[in-house]
C-alpha cells in the first residue's frame, strides 16, 4: 500500500483542545482530508510548554522587530522558544508536503495576525512559528484555514501538495 502524502496541520483545526482558552477550532473540511492524506497535528504553543488553559500571547513590534510576548504584561518573550521549536521539528517537517495553519494565531498565522504597533493593534503580522517554517521550507505549500475554506484555493493548495510530494 502506498504511503499517504503528509500535511502538517495546526492541532486545534483537527479538534484538539490546545488553544489558550481550552477549546479547539475544528474544521470539518480539513478533517475530511484524512481519507486521502495523512494529517500531522502540531501546536507550537503546547510544544514550548504553555499548557491549556494559558494566558494569551501577542505579537508586538519593539525596536523595529516583531516579537511574541505574554499579553498580560508584555514581559515574557516567547519568540526564541517558538523559533527553536520549529528548528527542532526537522525530522517530521522534512516528511510533509504541505501545511495548514490557524489563521490569526501569534504562533501559526501566515497573515492577518494582530500586532501591537505603538499601542495600536494592526492585522499585519505573521506568527513566529509560521514565519520560521517559511524560512526553513520556502517552497513548501502552505495555506491558512480561512483560505482553505474557499473551494478553489483548497483545490489549488492540494494540487501543489501533490506536486511537491513528487519532487
Protein backbone atom coordinates (compact mmCIF):
# COMPACT_ATOMS: atom_id res chain seq x y z
CA UNK A 1 0.00 0.00 0.00
CA UNK A 2 1.31 3.42 -0.97
CA UNK A 3 2.05 5.85 1.86
CA UNK A 4 -0.30 8.80 2.09
CA UNK A 5 1.05 12.27 1.43
CA UNK A 6 1.59 14.06 4.77
CA UNK A 7 0.23 17.51 5.56
CA UNK A 8 1.07 19.37 8.76
CA UNK A 9 -1.96 20.96 10.42
CA UNK A 10 -2.40 23.27 13.39
CA UNK A 11 -3.73 20.87 16.07
CA UNK A 12 -6.72 23.00 17.02
CA UNK A 13 -8.10 22.67 13.47
CA UNK A 14 -8.34 18.91 13.94
CA UNK A 15 -10.45 19.26 17.09
CA UNK A 16 -7.66 19.05 19.65
CA UNK A 17 -8.36 21.28 22.66
CA UNK A 18 -4.99 23.03 22.64
CA UNK A 19 -6.00 26.68 22.35
CA UNK A 20 -5.27 29.21 25.10
CA UNK A 21 -8.92 29.02 26.22
CA UNK A 22 -9.00 25.21 26.31
CA UNK A 23 -11.07 25.00 23.16
CA UNK A 24 -10.48 23.87 19.57
CA UNK A 25 -11.27 25.25 16.13
CA UNK A 26 -12.38 22.02 14.42
CA UNK A 27 -12.64 22.42 10.66
CA UNK A 28 -14.67 19.57 9.09
CA UNK A 29 -13.32 20.37 5.61
CA UNK A 30 -9.81 19.74 6.87
CA UNK A 31 -10.77 16.58 8.79
CA UNK A 32 -12.18 15.16 5.52
CA UNK A 33 -8.65 15.18 4.10
CA UNK A 34 -7.84 12.13 6.28
CA UNK A 35 -9.34 9.95 3.56
CA UNK A 36 -6.58 10.89 1.12
CA UNK A 37 -3.78 12.42 3.20
CA UNK A 38 -2.02 11.77 6.49
CA UNK A 39 -2.65 14.79 8.71
CA UNK A 40 0.14 15.57 11.16
CA UNK A 41 -1.19 17.72 14.04
CA UNK A 42 1.12 20.17 15.78
CA UNK A 43 0.74 23.05 18.24
CA UNK A 44 3.94 25.03 18.83
CA UNK A 45 2.47 26.78 21.89
CA UNK A 46 1.88 23.43 23.56
CA UNK A 47 5.30 22.20 22.43
CA UNK A 48 7.06 25.07 24.21
CA UNK A 49 5.18 24.26 27.40
CA UNK A 50 2.48 26.92 27.58
CA UNK A 51 -0.23 24.44 28.61
CA UNK A 52 -4.02 24.68 28.50
CA UNK A 53 -5.60 26.95 29.51
CA UNK A 54 -2.96 29.63 29.30
CA UNK A 55 -2.62 33.41 29.10
CA UNK A 56 -2.86 34.83 25.60
CA UNK A 57 0.26 35.73 23.67
CA UNK A 58 0.55 38.72 21.36
CA UNK A 59 2.81 39.93 18.58
CA UNK A 60 4.39 43.26 19.49
CA UNK A 61 6.66 45.49 17.45
CA UNK A 62 9.69 46.51 19.50
CA UNK A 63 12.80 48.22 18.16
CA UNK A 64 11.75 47.55 14.56
CA UNK A 65 11.31 43.82 15.31
CA UNK A 66 8.17 41.79 15.86
CA UNK A 67 8.30 39.59 18.95
CA UNK A 68 5.79 37.31 20.67
CA UNK A 69 5.06 38.36 24.26
CA UNK A 70 2.62 37.45 27.00
CA UNK A 71 -0.42 39.66 26.54
CA UNK A 72 -0.81 40.47 30.25
CA UNK A 73 2.48 42.23 30.96
CA UNK A 74 4.44 42.17 27.69
CA UNK A 75 7.40 40.96 29.76
CA UNK A 76 7.83 37.31 28.73
CA UNK A 77 9.30 36.90 25.24
CA UNK A 78 8.34 33.57 23.62
CA UNK A 79 9.99 34.39 20.29
CA UNK A 80 13.24 32.42 20.81
CA UNK A 81 11.34 29.36 22.09
CA UNK A 82 8.97 29.38 19.10
CA UNK A 83 11.87 29.67 16.66
CA UNK A 84 13.80 26.86 18.38
CA UNK A 85 10.62 24.80 18.48
CA UNK A 86 10.33 24.99 14.70
CA UNK A 87 14.01 24.17 14.23
CA UNK A 88 13.62 21.11 16.50
CA UNK A 89 10.80 19.65 14.34
CA UNK A 90 13.02 18.99 11.32
CA UNK A 91 12.57 15.21 11.44
CA UNK A 92 8.84 15.29 10.73
CA UNK A 93 8.78 18.61 8.85
CA UNK A 94 11.10 17.04 6.27
CA UNK A 95 8.40 14.43 5.64
CA UNK A 96 5.43 16.72 4.97
CA UNK A 97 4.32 18.09 1.61
CA UNK A 98 2.20 20.99 2.87
CA UNK A 99 0.96 22.80 5.99
CA UNK A 100 -2.42 24.19 7.01
CA UNK A 101 -2.09 26.96 9.61
CA UNK A 102 -4.54 28.54 12.05
CA UNK A 103 -5.49 32.00 10.82
CA UNK A 104 -4.52 34.97 13.02
CA UNK A 105 -2.57 32.86 15.53
CA UNK A 106 0.50 34.63 17.00
CA UNK A 107 2.41 31.39 16.54
CA UNK A 108 0.79 29.86 13.43
CA UNK A 109 -0.85 32.65 11.43
CA UNK A 110 0.56 33.35 7.97
CA UNK A 111 -1.14 36.73 7.62
CA UNK A 112 -3.56 38.98 9.45
CA UNK A 113 -2.08 38.33 12.91
CA UNK A 114 -2.86 41.29 15.16
CA UNK A 115 0.34 43.07 16.06
CA UNK A 116 0.69 45.77 18.69
CA UNK A 117 2.46 48.62 16.93
CA UNK A 118 2.91 51.65 19.19
CA UNK A 119 -0.17 50.73 21.23
CA UNK A 120 -2.44 50.09 18.25
CA UNK A 121 -3.38 46.58 17.09
CA UNK A 122 -2.80 46.14 13.37
CA UNK A 123 -3.70 42.98 11.39
CA UNK A 124 -0.28 42.89 9.74
CA UNK A 125 1.73 40.17 11.40
CA UNK A 126 2.89 36.66 10.72
CA UNK A 127 3.07 34.09 13.51
CA UNK A 128 6.57 33.30 14.77
CA UNK A 129 6.41 29.53 14.15
CA UNK A 130 4.84 30.02 10.70
CA UNK A 131 7.43 32.62 9.75
CA UNK A 132 10.30 30.34 10.78
CA UNK A 133 8.80 27.38 8.94
CA UNK A 134 8.56 29.52 5.79
CA UNK A 135 12.23 30.48 6.21
CA UNK A 136 13.31 26.85 6.57
CA UNK A 137 10.99 25.48 3.86
CA UNK A 138 10.35 28.32 1.39
CA UNK A 139 8.94 26.01 -1.32
CA UNK A 140 6.56 24.09 0.97
CA UNK A 141 2.92 24.70 0.02
CA UNK A 142 1.14 26.46 2.90
CA UNK A 143 -2.33 27.87 3.50
CA UNK A 144 -4.39 29.25 6.38
CA UNK A 145 -7.64 27.56 7.31
CA UNK A 146 -9.81 30.52 6.27
CA UNK A 147 -8.32 30.34 2.77
CA UNK A 148 -8.71 26.54 2.75
CA UNK A 149 -12.47 27.00 3.21
CA UNK A 150 -12.62 28.58 -0.26
CA UNK A 151 -13.01 25.62 -2.64
CA UNK A 152 -10.79 26.95 -5.46
CA UNK A 153 -8.00 27.83 -3.04
CA UNK A 154 -8.23 24.46 -1.29
CA UNK A 155 -8.02 22.62 -4.63
CA UNK A 156 -5.03 24.72 -5.72
CA UNK A 157 -3.28 24.05 -2.40
CA UNK A 158 -3.88 20.30 -2.63
CA UNK A 159 -2.59 20.24 -6.22
CA UNK A 160 0.59 21.98 -5.02
CA UNK A 161 0.91 19.48 -2.15
CA UNK A 162 0.64 16.55 -4.55
CA UNK A 163 3.15 18.10 -6.95
CA UNK A 164 5.53 18.89 -4.07
CA UNK A 165 5.46 15.23 -3.00
CA UNK A 166 6.51 14.12 -6.49
CA UNK A 167 9.62 16.29 -6.36
